[in-house]
Amino acid sequence: MTTLKPPPFAARLLERLVPGQDHEALLGDLTEECQRRGSVPWYCLQILAAIIVGSLKDIRAHTLVAARAIVTGLISQLLLVVVTLQLKNVLTGAGVTWGDRWIGLPWYWHWPYAFWSFALIVQAIMFAGYVMIGWLIVRLHRGHGVTMVLTYCVVLWALRFAALAQFAPLTSPHPHIPSLWVPVVNGLTGESLFLIVGGYIATRPSRVA
């Protein structure tokens, strides 16, 4: 009878996402229990729970670091919005704004951009920007894995829903909540995913020559 081996990627994921804690004893217990149960999905769920619990412990132990990571993410996202708005002017208006001045671009820049291509370019830049923000947060807060990225994601969700709660009553006396919340949830899910991807990339150990 062969012994069930839990997937090694799950253990590596825990060690890379929450590197500031010792997981050897926990991984040993989970491996033994996984072999006894013969259930890989159970093992993966326990690893996910360990990531969440470990991240919460890290945040409680380093509240000032978490606050700094949140500020870093907010400032970076504000810069991303500014860059995206300028790009919109470049792609659609053939110019850029500098303070109160409008600077036009040469005549050969006036390309007939289609709406779908413009939206695709802006969306790609936004997603690339989220990856960079996640990477930056982790690189500035080494030793915490993606814990600080997860913290920023939670704050981002809270801010968006708070803004939506303020905006919804302005649309109509009885707003259709699903039509307002579903796009926000979809957008936040995509943003959070790319933020985590960027943070995960930053946790890759450097190669030793």
N, C-alpha and C. Protein backbone atom coordinates (compact mmCIF):
# COMPACT_ATOMS: atom_id res chain seq x y z
N MET A 1 0.85 -1.20 0.00
CA MET A 1 0.00 0.00 0.00
C MET A 1 0.89 1.25 0.00
N THR A 2 0.68 2.12 -0.96
CA THR A 2 1.50 3.32 -1.08
C THR A 2 1.03 4.37 -0.07
N THR A 3 2.01 5.11 0.44
CA THR A 3 1.72 6.18 1.40
C THR A 3 1.35 7.46 0.64
N LEU A 4 0.24 8.05 1.04
CA LEU A 4 -0.20 9.28 0.38
C LEU A 4 0.73 10.43 0.74
N LYS A 5 1.24 11.10 -0.28
CA LYS A 5 2.10 12.25 -0.06
C LYS A 5 1.34 13.53 -0.39
N PRO A 6 1.24 14.45 0.56
CA PRO A 6 0.55 15.72 0.27
C PRO A 6 1.32 16.51 -0.77
N PRO A 7 0.63 17.34 -1.55
CA PRO A 7 1.31 18.13 -2.59
C PRO A 7 2.35 19.06 -1.99
N PRO A 8 3.59 19.03 -2.48
CA PRO A 8 4.64 19.88 -1.89
C PRO A 8 4.42 21.37 -2.14
N PHE A 9 3.66 21.71 -3.21
CA PHE A 9 3.46 23.13 -3.50
C PHE A 9 2.68 23.83 -2.38
N ALA A 10 1.80 23.09 -1.70
CA ALA A 10 1.00 23.70 -0.63
C ALA A 10 1.90 24.14 0.53
N ALA A 11 2.85 23.27 0.90
CA ALA A 11 3.77 23.63 1.99
C ALA A 11 4.67 24.80 1.58
N ARG A 12 5.14 24.79 0.33
CA ARG A 12 5.98 25.90 -0.14
C ARG A 12 5.19 27.20 -0.16
N LEU A 13 3.89 27.10 -0.49
CA LEU A 13 3.05 28.29 -0.51
C LEU A 13 2.94 28.90 0.88
N LEU A 14 2.74 28.06 1.88
CA LEU A 14 2.65 28.55 3.26
C LEU A 14 3.96 29.19 3.70
N GLU A 15 5.08 28.57 3.38
CA GLU A 15 6.38 29.08 3.81
C GLU A 15 6.73 30.39 3.11
N ARG A 16 6.28 30.56 1.87
CA ARG A 16 6.58 31.78 1.14
C ARG A 16 5.63 32.91 1.46
N LEU A 17 4.37 32.58 1.72
CA LEU A 17 3.39 33.62 2.01
C LEU A 17 3.48 34.11 3.45
N VAL A 18 3.85 33.24 4.37
CA VAL A 18 3.96 33.62 5.78
C VAL A 18 5.34 33.17 6.27
N PRO A 19 6.41 33.86 5.83
CA PRO A 19 7.77 33.38 6.12
C PRO A 19 8.27 33.71 7.53
N GLY A 20 7.57 34.59 8.24
CA GLY A 20 8.08 35.03 9.53
C GLY A 20 7.78 34.07 10.67
N GLN A 21 7.21 32.89 10.39
CA GLN A 21 6.86 31.95 11.44
C GLN A 21 7.43 30.57 11.12
N ASP A 22 7.62 29.78 12.17
CA ASP A 22 8.14 28.42 12.01
C ASP A 22 6.98 27.47 11.76
N HIS A 23 6.98 26.84 10.60
CA HIS A 23 5.85 25.98 10.22
C HIS A 23 6.20 24.49 10.22
N GLU A 24 7.41 24.14 10.65
CA GLU A 24 7.84 22.74 10.54
C GLU A 24 6.95 21.80 11.35
N ALA A 25 6.66 22.17 12.60
CA ALA A 25 5.84 21.31 13.44
C ALA A 25 4.43 21.18 12.87
N LEU A 26 3.87 22.30 12.42
CA LEU A 26 2.52 22.28 11.85
C LEU A 26 2.48 21.43 10.59
N LEU A 27 3.46 21.61 9.71
CA LEU A 27 3.48 20.83 8.46
C LEU A 27 3.65 19.35 8.75
N GLY A 28 4.45 19.02 9.76
CA GLY A 28 4.61 17.61 10.13
C GLY A 28 3.30 17.00 10.60
N ASP A 29 2.58 17.73 11.46
CA ASP A 29 1.28 17.23 11.95
C ASP A 29 0.27 17.10 10.82
N LEU A 30 0.24 18.10 9.93
CA LEU A 30 -0.71 18.05 8.82
C LEU A 30 -0.39 16.90 7.86
N THR A 31 0.89 16.64 7.66
CA THR A 31 1.27 15.53 6.77
C THR A 31 0.82 14.19 7.34
N GLU A 32 1.05 14.00 8.64
CA GLU A 32 0.63 12.75 9.28
C GLU A 32 -0.89 12.59 9.22
N GLU A 33 -1.61 13.68 9.49
CA GLU A 33 -3.07 13.61 9.47
C GLU A 33 -3.59 13.39 8.06
N CYS A 34 -2.91 13.99 7.08
CA CYS A 34 -3.30 13.80 5.68
C CYS A 34 -3.12 12.35 5.27
N GLN A 35 -2.03 11.73 5.69
CA GLN A 35 -1.79 10.33 5.37
C GLN A 35 -2.80 9.42 6.05
N ARG A 36 -3.21 9.81 7.26
CA ARG A 36 -4.20 9.01 7.98
C ARG A 36 -5.58 9.13 7.34
N ARG A 37 -5.94 10.36 6.95
CA ARG A 37 -7.24 10.59 6.33
C ARG A 37 -7.26 10.17 4.87
N GLY A 38 -6.10 10.28 4.22
CA GLY A 38 -6.05 9.99 2.79
C GLY A 38 -6.79 11.02 1.96
N SER A 39 -6.69 12.29 2.37
CA SER A 39 -7.45 13.36 1.70
C SER A 39 -6.53 14.54 1.42
N VAL A 40 -6.20 14.74 0.15
CA VAL A 40 -5.40 15.88 -0.26
C VAL A 40 -6.19 17.19 -0.15
N PRO A 41 -7.49 17.23 -0.55
CA PRO A 41 -8.25 18.48 -0.38
C PRO A 41 -8.29 18.96 1.06
N TRP A 42 -8.41 18.03 2.01
CA TRP A 42 -8.39 18.43 3.43
C TRP A 42 -7.07 19.09 3.76
N TYR A 43 -5.97 18.54 3.28
CA TYR A 43 -4.65 19.10 3.54
C TYR A 43 -4.53 20.51 2.97
N CYS A 44 -5.01 20.72 1.75
CA CYS A 44 -4.94 22.04 1.12
C CYS A 44 -5.78 23.06 1.87
N LEU A 45 -6.95 22.64 2.36
CA LEU A 45 -7.79 23.55 3.13
C LEU A 45 -7.12 23.94 4.45
N GLN A 46 -6.42 22.99 5.06
CA GLN A 46 -5.71 23.30 6.31
C GLN A 46 -4.55 24.26 6.06
N ILE A 47 -3.89 24.10 4.93
CA ILE A 47 -2.81 25.02 4.57
C ILE A 47 -3.38 26.42 4.36
N LEU A 48 -4.53 26.52 3.69
CA LEU A 48 -5.17 27.81 3.48
C LEU A 48 -5.54 28.45 4.81
N ALA A 49 -6.09 27.65 5.73
CA ALA A 49 -6.43 28.17 7.05
C ALA A 49 -5.18 28.63 7.79
N ALA A 50 -4.09 27.90 7.64
CA ALA A 50 -2.83 28.28 8.30
C ALA A 50 -2.30 29.60 7.73
N ILE A 51 -2.48 29.81 6.43
CA ILE A 51 -2.05 31.07 5.83
C ILE A 51 -2.85 32.23 6.40
N ILE A 52 -4.16 32.06 6.52
CA ILE A 52 -5.02 33.12 7.05
C ILE A 52 -4.69 33.41 8.51
N VAL A 53 -4.58 32.36 9.33
CA VAL A 53 -4.28 32.54 10.75
C VAL A 53 -2.89 33.13 10.93
N GLY A 54 -1.92 32.64 10.16
CA GLY A 54 -0.56 33.17 10.27
C GLY A 54 -0.48 34.63 9.87
N SER A 55 -1.25 35.00 8.84
CA SER A 55 -1.26 36.40 8.41
C SER A 55 -1.86 37.29 9.50
N LEU A 56 -2.95 36.83 10.13
CA LEU A 56 -3.56 37.62 11.20
C LEU A 56 -2.61 37.81 12.38
N LYS A 57 -1.88 36.75 12.72
CA LYS A 57 -0.90 36.87 13.81
C LYS A 57 0.19 37.87 13.45
N ASP A 58 0.63 37.83 12.20
CA ASP A 58 1.69 38.74 11.77
C ASP A 58 1.21 40.18 11.81
N ILE A 59 -0.04 40.42 11.40
CA ILE A 59 -0.59 41.78 11.41
C ILE A 59 -0.70 42.30 12.83
N ARG A 60 -1.19 41.45 13.74
CA ARG A 60 -1.34 41.88 15.15
C ARG A 60 0.01 42.19 15.78
N ALA A 61 1.03 41.44 15.38
CA ALA A 61 2.35 41.64 15.96
C ALA A 61 3.09 42.82 15.34
N HIS A 62 2.66 43.26 14.16
CA HIS A 62 3.37 44.34 13.46
C HIS A 62 2.34 45.33 12.89
N THR A 63 1.60 45.96 13.77
CA THR A 63 0.55 46.88 13.33
C THR A 63 1.11 48.10 12.61
N LEU A 64 2.25 48.61 13.07
CA LEU A 64 2.83 49.78 12.42
C LEU A 64 3.33 49.44 11.02
N VAL A 65 3.88 48.27 10.86
CA VAL A 65 4.32 47.82 9.54
C VAL A 65 3.12 47.67 8.62
N ALA A 66 2.03 47.11 9.15
CA ALA A 66 0.82 46.97 8.35
C ALA A 66 0.27 48.33 7.93
N ALA A 67 0.31 49.30 8.84
CA ALA A 67 -0.17 50.64 8.51
C ALA A 67 0.70 51.26 7.42
N ARG A 68 2.00 51.05 7.51
CA ARG A 68 2.91 51.60 6.48
C ARG A 68 2.65 50.94 5.13
N ALA A 69 2.37 49.64 5.14
CA ALA A 69 2.07 48.94 3.90
C ALA A 69 0.78 49.46 3.27
N ILE A 70 -0.21 49.77 4.10
CA ILE A 70 -1.47 50.31 3.59
C ILE A 70 -1.24 51.67 2.94
N VAL A 71 -0.47 52.53 3.62
CA VAL A 71 -0.17 53.85 3.07
C VAL A 71 0.60 53.72 1.75
N THR A 72 1.55 52.79 1.70
CA THR A 72 2.31 52.56 0.48
C THR A 72 1.39 52.15 -0.66
N GLY A 73 0.46 51.24 -0.37
CA GLY A 73 -0.47 50.79 -1.40
C GLY A 73 -1.39 51.89 -1.88
N LEU A 74 -1.90 52.70 -0.96
CA LEU A 74 -2.82 53.78 -1.35
C LEU A 74 -2.12 54.83 -2.20
N ILE A 75 -0.90 55.21 -1.81
CA ILE A 75 -0.16 56.20 -2.59
C ILE A 75 0.17 55.65 -3.97
N SER A 76 0.60 54.38 -4.03
CA SER A 76 0.94 53.77 -5.31
C SER A 76 -0.29 53.67 -6.21
N GLN A 77 -1.43 53.34 -5.62
CA GLN A 77 -2.63 53.23 -6.44
C GLN A 77 -3.10 54.60 -6.93
N LEU A 78 -2.92 55.63 -6.11
CA LEU A 78 -3.25 56.98 -6.55
C LEU A 78 -2.39 57.38 -7.74
N LEU A 79 -1.10 57.08 -7.68
CA LEU A 79 -0.21 57.37 -8.81
C LEU A 79 -0.62 56.59 -10.05
N LEU A 80 -1.06 55.35 -9.85
CA LEU A 80 -1.51 54.54 -10.98
C LEU A 80 -2.73 55.15 -11.65
N VAL A 81 -3.66 55.68 -10.84
CA VAL A 81 -4.85 56.33 -11.39
C VAL A 81 -4.46 57.57 -12.19
N VAL A 82 -3.53 58.36 -11.66
CA VAL A 82 -3.08 59.57 -12.36
C VAL A 82 -2.44 59.21 -13.69
N VAL A 83 -1.59 58.19 -13.69
CA VAL A 83 -0.94 57.77 -14.93
C VAL A 83 -1.97 57.26 -15.94
N THR A 84 -2.96 56.52 -15.46
CA THR A 84 -3.98 55.99 -16.35
C THR A 84 -4.81 57.11 -16.97
N LEU A 85 -5.14 58.13 -16.18
CA LEU A 85 -5.90 59.26 -16.72
C LEU A 85 -5.10 60.01 -17.77
N GLN A 86 -3.81 60.19 -17.52
CA GLN A 86 -2.96 60.83 -18.51
C GLN A 86 -2.88 59.99 -19.78
N LEU A 87 -2.81 58.68 -19.62
CA LEU A 87 -2.79 57.80 -20.78
C LEU A 87 -4.08 57.92 -21.58
N LYS A 88 -5.18 58.07 -20.88
CA LYS A 88 -6.46 58.24 -21.57
C LYS A 88 -6.43 59.49 -22.43
N ASN A 89 -5.86 60.58 -21.91
CA ASN A 89 -5.74 61.80 -22.71
C ASN A 89 -4.86 61.59 -23.93
N VAL A 90 -3.78 60.82 -23.74
CA VAL A 90 -2.86 60.59 -24.85
C VAL A 90 -3.51 59.76 -25.94
N LEU A 91 -4.25 58.72 -25.53
CA LEU A 91 -4.82 57.80 -26.51
C LEU A 91 -6.05 58.38 -27.20
N THR A 92 -6.79 59.22 -26.51
CA THR A 92 -8.05 59.71 -27.09
C THR A 92 -7.99 61.18 -27.51
N GLY A 93 -7.15 61.96 -26.84
CA GLY A 93 -7.13 63.39 -27.12
C GLY A 93 -5.87 63.89 -27.76
N ALA A 94 -4.91 62.98 -27.95
CA ALA A 94 -3.63 63.36 -28.58
C ALA A 94 -2.95 64.49 -27.84
N GLY A 95 -2.94 64.40 -26.51
CA GLY A 95 -2.28 65.41 -25.71
C GLY A 95 -2.26 65.02 -24.25
N VAL A 96 -1.58 65.82 -23.44
CA VAL A 96 -1.50 65.58 -22.02
C VAL A 96 -1.74 66.89 -21.29
N THR A 97 -2.20 66.78 -20.05
CA THR A 97 -2.39 67.97 -19.23
C THR A 97 -1.22 68.10 -18.27
N TRP A 98 -0.69 69.32 -18.14
CA TRP A 98 0.40 69.60 -17.22
C TRP A 98 -0.03 70.80 -16.37
N GLY A 99 -0.53 70.48 -15.19
CA GLY A 99 -1.12 71.54 -14.37
C GLY A 99 -2.41 72.02 -15.02
N ASP A 100 -2.47 73.30 -15.36
CA ASP A 100 -3.64 73.86 -16.04
C ASP A 100 -3.44 73.97 -17.55
N ARG A 101 -2.32 73.48 -18.03
CA ARG A 101 -2.01 73.61 -19.46
C ARG A 101 -2.26 72.30 -20.19
N TRP A 102 -2.71 72.44 -21.43
CA TRP A 102 -2.89 71.29 -22.31
C TRP A 102 -1.77 71.29 -23.34
N ILE A 103 -1.03 70.19 -23.39
CA ILE A 103 0.10 70.06 -24.31
C ILE A 103 -0.30 69.09 -25.41
N GLY A 104 -0.47 69.62 -26.62
CA GLY A 104 -0.86 68.76 -27.73
C GLY A 104 0.32 67.98 -28.27
N LEU A 105 0.03 66.81 -28.82
CA LEU A 105 1.06 65.96 -29.41
C LEU A 105 1.09 66.19 -30.92
N PRO A 106 2.17 65.76 -31.59
CA PRO A 106 2.29 65.97 -33.04
C PRO A 106 1.13 65.34 -33.81
N TRP A 107 0.95 65.83 -35.03
CA TRP A 107 -0.18 65.39 -35.84
C TRP A 107 -0.17 63.89 -36.09
N TYR A 108 1.03 63.28 -36.18
CA TYR A 108 1.07 61.86 -36.51
C TYR A 108 0.66 60.98 -35.34
N TRP A 109 0.42 61.60 -34.16
CA TRP A 109 -0.05 60.81 -33.02
C TRP A 109 -1.56 60.61 -33.07
N HIS A 110 -2.27 61.32 -33.92
CA HIS A 110 -3.73 61.24 -33.96
C HIS A 110 -4.15 59.97 -34.68
N TRP A 111 -4.02 58.87 -33.98
CA TRP A 111 -4.42 57.60 -34.57
C TRP A 111 -5.91 57.35 -34.32
N PRO A 112 -6.57 56.62 -35.21
CA PRO A 112 -8.01 56.32 -35.00
C PRO A 112 -8.20 55.13 -34.06
N TYR A 113 -7.98 55.39 -32.76
CA TYR A 113 -8.13 54.30 -31.79
C TYR A 113 -9.59 53.88 -31.66
N ALA A 114 -9.82 52.58 -31.75
CA ALA A 114 -11.15 52.04 -31.50
C ALA A 114 -11.37 51.95 -29.99
N PHE A 115 -12.63 51.99 -29.59
CA PHE A 115 -12.93 51.99 -28.16
C PHE A 115 -12.44 50.70 -27.51
N TRP A 116 -12.63 49.56 -28.19
CA TRP A 116 -12.26 48.29 -27.56
C TRP A 116 -10.75 48.19 -27.36
N SER A 117 -9.98 48.72 -28.32
CA SER A 117 -8.52 48.66 -28.18
C SER A 117 -8.05 49.60 -27.09
N PHE A 118 -8.68 50.77 -26.98
CA PHE A 118 -8.33 51.71 -25.91
C PHE A 118 -8.63 51.10 -24.54
N ALA A 119 -9.81 50.49 -24.39
CA ALA A 119 -10.18 49.89 -23.12
C ALA A 119 -9.25 48.73 -22.77
N LEU A 120 -8.85 47.96 -23.79
CA LEU A 120 -7.96 46.83 -23.55
C LEU A 120 -6.59 47.30 -23.09
N ILE A 121 -6.07 48.35 -23.71
CA ILE A 121 -4.76 48.88 -23.33
C ILE A 121 -4.80 49.42 -21.90
N VAL A 122 -5.81 50.19 -21.57
CA VAL A 122 -5.92 50.77 -20.23
C VAL A 122 -6.07 49.66 -19.19
N GLN A 123 -6.88 48.65 -19.50
CA GLN A 123 -7.09 47.55 -18.56
C GLN A 123 -5.79 46.79 -18.32
N ALA A 124 -5.03 46.56 -19.39
CA ALA A 124 -3.76 45.85 -19.25
C ALA A 124 -2.79 46.63 -18.39
N ILE A 125 -2.75 47.95 -18.57
CA ILE A 125 -1.85 48.79 -17.78
C ILE A 125 -2.30 48.81 -16.32
N MET A 126 -3.60 48.83 -16.08
CA MET A 126 -4.09 48.81 -14.71
C MET A 126 -3.70 47.51 -14.02
N PHE A 127 -3.89 46.39 -14.69
CA PHE A 127 -3.54 45.10 -14.09
C PHE A 127 -2.04 45.00 -13.85
N ALA A 128 -1.24 45.47 -14.82
CA ALA A 128 0.21 45.48 -14.62
C ALA A 128 0.58 46.38 -13.45
N GLY A 129 -0.15 47.49 -13.29
CA GLY A 129 0.10 48.38 -12.16
C GLY A 129 -0.20 47.72 -10.83
N TYR A 130 -1.27 46.93 -10.76
CA TYR A 130 -1.60 46.22 -9.52
C TYR A 130 -0.53 45.19 -9.18
N VAL A 131 0.00 44.52 -10.20
CA VAL A 131 1.09 43.58 -9.96
C VAL A 131 2.30 44.30 -9.39
N MET A 132 2.60 45.47 -9.93
CA MET A 132 3.74 46.26 -9.44
C MET A 132 3.51 46.74 -8.01
N ILE A 133 2.25 47.12 -7.70
CA ILE A 133 1.95 47.57 -6.33
C ILE A 133 2.15 46.43 -5.34
N GLY A 134 1.63 45.25 -5.68
CA GLY A 134 1.83 44.09 -4.82
C GLY A 134 3.29 43.76 -4.63
N TRP A 135 4.07 43.85 -5.73
CA TRP A 135 5.51 43.58 -5.66
C TRP A 135 6.19 44.61 -4.76
N LEU A 136 5.81 45.89 -4.91
CA LEU A 136 6.44 46.96 -4.14
C LEU A 136 6.16 46.81 -2.65
N ILE A 137 4.92 46.48 -2.30
CA ILE A 137 4.57 46.34 -0.88
C ILE A 137 5.40 45.24 -0.23
N VAL A 138 5.56 44.12 -0.93
CA VAL A 138 6.34 43.02 -0.35
C VAL A 138 7.82 43.37 -0.27
N ARG A 139 8.35 44.00 -1.32
CA ARG A 139 9.78 44.33 -1.32
C ARG A 139 10.13 45.35 -0.25
N LEU A 140 9.19 46.24 0.08
CA LEU A 140 9.44 47.23 1.12
C LEU A 140 9.20 46.68 2.53
N HIS A 141 8.59 45.51 2.61
CA HIS A 141 8.28 44.92 3.92
C HIS A 141 8.70 43.45 3.91
N ARG A 142 9.97 43.24 3.69
CA ARG A 142 10.50 41.89 3.62
C ARG A 142 10.35 41.19 4.97
N GLY A 143 10.24 39.90 4.90
CA GLY A 143 10.08 39.12 6.11
C GLY A 143 8.63 38.88 6.49
N HIS A 144 7.70 39.46 5.73
CA HIS A 144 6.28 39.29 6.05
C HIS A 144 5.52 38.59 4.92
N GLY A 145 6.22 38.15 3.88
CA GLY A 145 5.53 37.47 2.79
C GLY A 145 4.50 38.38 2.15
N VAL A 146 3.35 37.82 1.83
CA VAL A 146 2.28 38.63 1.24
C VAL A 146 1.26 39.07 2.29
N THR A 147 1.62 38.92 3.56
CA THR A 147 0.70 39.32 4.63
C THR A 147 0.29 40.77 4.48
N MET A 148 1.25 41.64 4.19
CA MET A 148 0.93 43.06 4.07
C MET A 148 0.12 43.36 2.81
N VAL A 149 0.30 42.56 1.77
CA VAL A 149 -0.54 42.70 0.58
C VAL A 149 -1.98 42.32 0.90
N LEU A 150 -2.15 41.23 1.64
CA LEU A 150 -3.50 40.82 2.05
C LEU A 150 -4.14 41.90 2.92
N THR A 151 -3.35 42.53 3.78
CA THR A 151 -3.87 43.62 4.61
C THR A 151 -4.36 44.76 3.74
N TYR A 152 -3.58 45.11 2.74
CA TYR A 152 -3.98 46.20 1.85
C TYR A 152 -5.23 45.82 1.06
N CYS A 153 -5.34 44.56 0.66
CA CYS A 153 -6.54 44.12 -0.06
C CYS A 153 -7.79 44.28 0.79
N VAL A 154 -7.69 43.93 2.08
CA VAL A 154 -8.84 44.07 2.98
C VAL A 154 -9.25 45.53 3.10
N VAL A 155 -8.25 46.41 3.25
CA VAL A 155 -8.55 47.84 3.36
C VAL A 155 -9.15 48.35 2.06
N LEU A 156 -8.65 47.88 0.92
CA LEU A 156 -9.18 48.29 -0.37
C LEU A 156 -10.65 47.90 -0.52
N TRP A 157 -10.98 46.68 -0.12
CA TRP A 157 -12.38 46.23 -0.17
C TRP A 157 -13.25 47.09 0.75
N ALA A 158 -12.77 47.37 1.95
CA ALA A 158 -13.55 48.16 2.90
C ALA A 158 -13.81 49.56 2.37
N LEU A 159 -12.79 50.18 1.77
CA LEU A 159 -12.96 51.53 1.23
C LEU A 159 -13.93 51.55 0.06
N ARG A 160 -13.84 50.57 -0.82
CA ARG A 160 -14.73 50.55 -1.98
C ARG A 160 -16.19 50.33 -1.56
N PHE A 161 -16.40 49.44 -0.62
CA PHE A 161 -17.78 49.19 -0.18
C PHE A 161 -18.33 50.37 0.61
N ALA A 162 -17.48 51.04 1.37
CA ALA A 162 -17.93 52.23 2.09
C ALA A 162 -18.32 53.32 1.10
N ALA A 163 -17.52 53.48 0.04
CA ALA A 163 -17.85 54.48 -0.98
C ALA A 163 -19.13 54.11 -1.71
N LEU A 164 -19.31 52.82 -1.99
CA LEU A 164 -20.52 52.38 -2.68
C LEU A 164 -21.75 52.59 -1.81
N ALA A 165 -21.60 52.33 -0.51
CA ALA A 165 -22.73 52.53 0.40
C ALA A 165 -23.15 54.00 0.44
N GLN A 166 -22.19 54.92 0.27
CA GLN A 166 -22.51 56.33 0.23
C GLN A 166 -23.11 56.73 -1.13
N PHE A 167 -22.66 56.07 -2.20
CA PHE A 167 -23.09 56.44 -3.54
C PHE A 167 -24.45 55.84 -3.91
N ALA A 168 -24.75 54.64 -3.42
CA ALA A 168 -25.97 53.93 -3.82
C ALA A 168 -27.24 54.74 -3.59
N PRO A 169 -27.44 55.38 -2.44
CA PRO A 169 -28.68 56.15 -2.24
C PRO A 169 -28.83 57.33 -3.20
N LEU A 170 -27.71 57.80 -3.78
CA LEU A 170 -27.78 58.94 -4.69
C LEU A 170 -28.30 58.55 -6.07
N THR A 171 -28.22 57.26 -6.41
CA THR A 171 -28.66 56.83 -7.73
C THR A 171 -30.17 56.87 -7.86
N SER A 172 -30.85 56.47 -6.82
CA SER A 172 -32.32 56.48 -6.81
C SER A 172 -32.79 56.22 -5.38
N PRO A 173 -34.04 56.54 -5.08
CA PRO A 173 -34.54 56.27 -3.72
C PRO A 173 -34.47 54.79 -3.36
N HIS A 174 -34.64 53.92 -4.37
CA HIS A 174 -34.57 52.48 -4.13
C HIS A 174 -33.61 51.86 -5.14
N PRO A 175 -32.32 51.98 -4.92
CA PRO A 175 -31.35 51.48 -5.91
C PRO A 175 -31.37 49.96 -6.01
N HIS A 176 -31.08 49.46 -7.20
CA HIS A 176 -30.98 48.02 -7.41
C HIS A 176 -29.58 47.59 -6.98
N ILE A 177 -29.48 47.08 -5.76
CA ILE A 177 -28.19 46.80 -5.14
C ILE A 177 -27.33 45.83 -5.96
N PRO A 178 -27.89 44.68 -6.45
CA PRO A 178 -27.02 43.76 -7.19
C PRO A 178 -26.35 44.39 -8.40
N SER A 179 -27.07 45.26 -9.11
CA SER A 179 -26.48 45.88 -10.30
C SER A 179 -25.34 46.81 -9.94
N LEU A 180 -25.30 47.29 -8.69
CA LEU A 180 -24.23 48.17 -8.25
C LEU A 180 -23.08 47.39 -7.61
N TRP A 181 -23.41 46.35 -6.85
CA TRP A 181 -22.39 45.64 -6.10
C TRP A 181 -21.62 44.63 -6.93
N VAL A 182 -22.30 43.99 -7.86
CA VAL A 182 -21.64 42.92 -8.64
C VAL A 182 -20.43 43.45 -9.41
N PRO A 183 -20.52 44.59 -10.15
CA PRO A 183 -19.32 45.09 -10.83
C PRO A 183 -18.20 45.45 -9.86
N VAL A 184 -18.56 45.99 -8.70
CA VAL A 184 -17.53 46.35 -7.72
C VAL A 184 -16.82 45.11 -7.20
N VAL A 185 -17.60 44.07 -6.90
CA VAL A 185 -17.01 42.82 -6.40
C VAL A 185 -16.11 42.19 -7.46
N ASN A 186 -16.57 42.17 -8.70
CA ASN A 186 -15.76 41.61 -9.78
C ASN A 186 -14.45 42.38 -9.96
N GLY A 187 -14.55 43.71 -9.92
CA GLY A 187 -13.35 44.53 -10.06
C GLY A 187 -12.38 44.33 -8.91
N LEU A 188 -12.90 44.29 -7.69
CA LEU A 188 -12.04 44.11 -6.53
C LEU A 188 -11.40 42.73 -6.53
N THR A 189 -12.12 41.72 -6.99
CA THR A 189 -11.55 40.38 -7.06
C THR A 189 -10.37 40.34 -8.01
N GLY A 190 -10.52 40.97 -9.17
CA GLY A 190 -9.42 41.02 -10.12
C GLY A 190 -8.23 41.81 -9.58
N GLU A 191 -8.51 42.96 -8.97
CA GLU A 191 -7.43 43.78 -8.40
C GLU A 191 -6.68 43.01 -7.31
N SER A 192 -7.42 42.36 -6.42
CA SER A 192 -6.79 41.62 -5.33
C SER A 192 -5.94 40.48 -5.87
N LEU A 193 -6.44 39.80 -6.90
CA LEU A 193 -5.69 38.70 -7.48
C LEU A 193 -4.35 39.17 -8.04
N PHE A 194 -4.36 40.27 -8.77
CA PHE A 194 -3.11 40.78 -9.35
C PHE A 194 -2.18 41.34 -8.28
N LEU A 195 -2.74 41.92 -7.22
CA LEU A 195 -1.91 42.38 -6.11
C LEU A 195 -1.20 41.20 -5.45
N ILE A 196 -1.92 40.12 -5.23
CA ILE A 196 -1.33 38.93 -4.61
C ILE A 196 -0.29 38.30 -5.53
N VAL A 197 -0.58 38.28 -6.82
CA VAL A 197 0.39 37.73 -7.79
C VAL A 197 1.69 38.53 -7.73
N GLY A 198 1.57 39.86 -7.71
CA GLY A 198 2.76 40.70 -7.61
C GLY A 198 3.52 40.45 -6.32
N GLY A 199 2.79 40.30 -5.21
CA GLY A 199 3.45 40.00 -3.94
C GLY A 199 4.12 38.65 -3.95
N TYR A 200 3.48 37.67 -4.58
CA TYR A 200 4.06 36.33 -4.65
C TYR A 200 5.34 36.34 -5.47
N ILE A 201 5.34 37.10 -6.55
CA ILE A 201 6.55 37.21 -7.39
C ILE A 201 7.70 37.78 -6.56
N ALA A 202 7.39 38.76 -5.71
CA ALA A 202 8.44 39.40 -4.90
C ALA A 202 8.97 38.49 -3.82
N THR A 203 8.27 37.41 -3.49
CA THR A 203 8.74 36.50 -2.45
C THR A 203 9.69 35.46 -3.00
N ARG A 204 9.89 35.43 -4.31
CA ARG A 204 10.80 34.45 -4.87
C ARG A 204 12.21 34.65 -4.31
N PRO A 205 12.81 33.59 -3.78
CA PRO A 205 14.16 33.75 -3.22
C PRO A 205 15.16 34.10 -4.31
N SER A 206 16.09 34.98 -3.97
CA SER A 206 17.11 35.37 -4.94
C SER A 206 18.09 34.24 -5.16
N ARG A 207 18.57 34.11 -6.37
CA ARG A 207 19.53 33.08 -6.70
C ARG A 207 20.91 33.41 -6.14
N VAL A 208 21.51 32.42 -5.57
CA VAL A 208 22.86 32.59 -5.02
C VAL A 208 23.87 32.18 -6.07
N ALA A 209 24.78 33.09 -6.39
CA ALA A 209 25.77 32.80 -7.43
C ALA A 209 26.77 31.75 -6.94
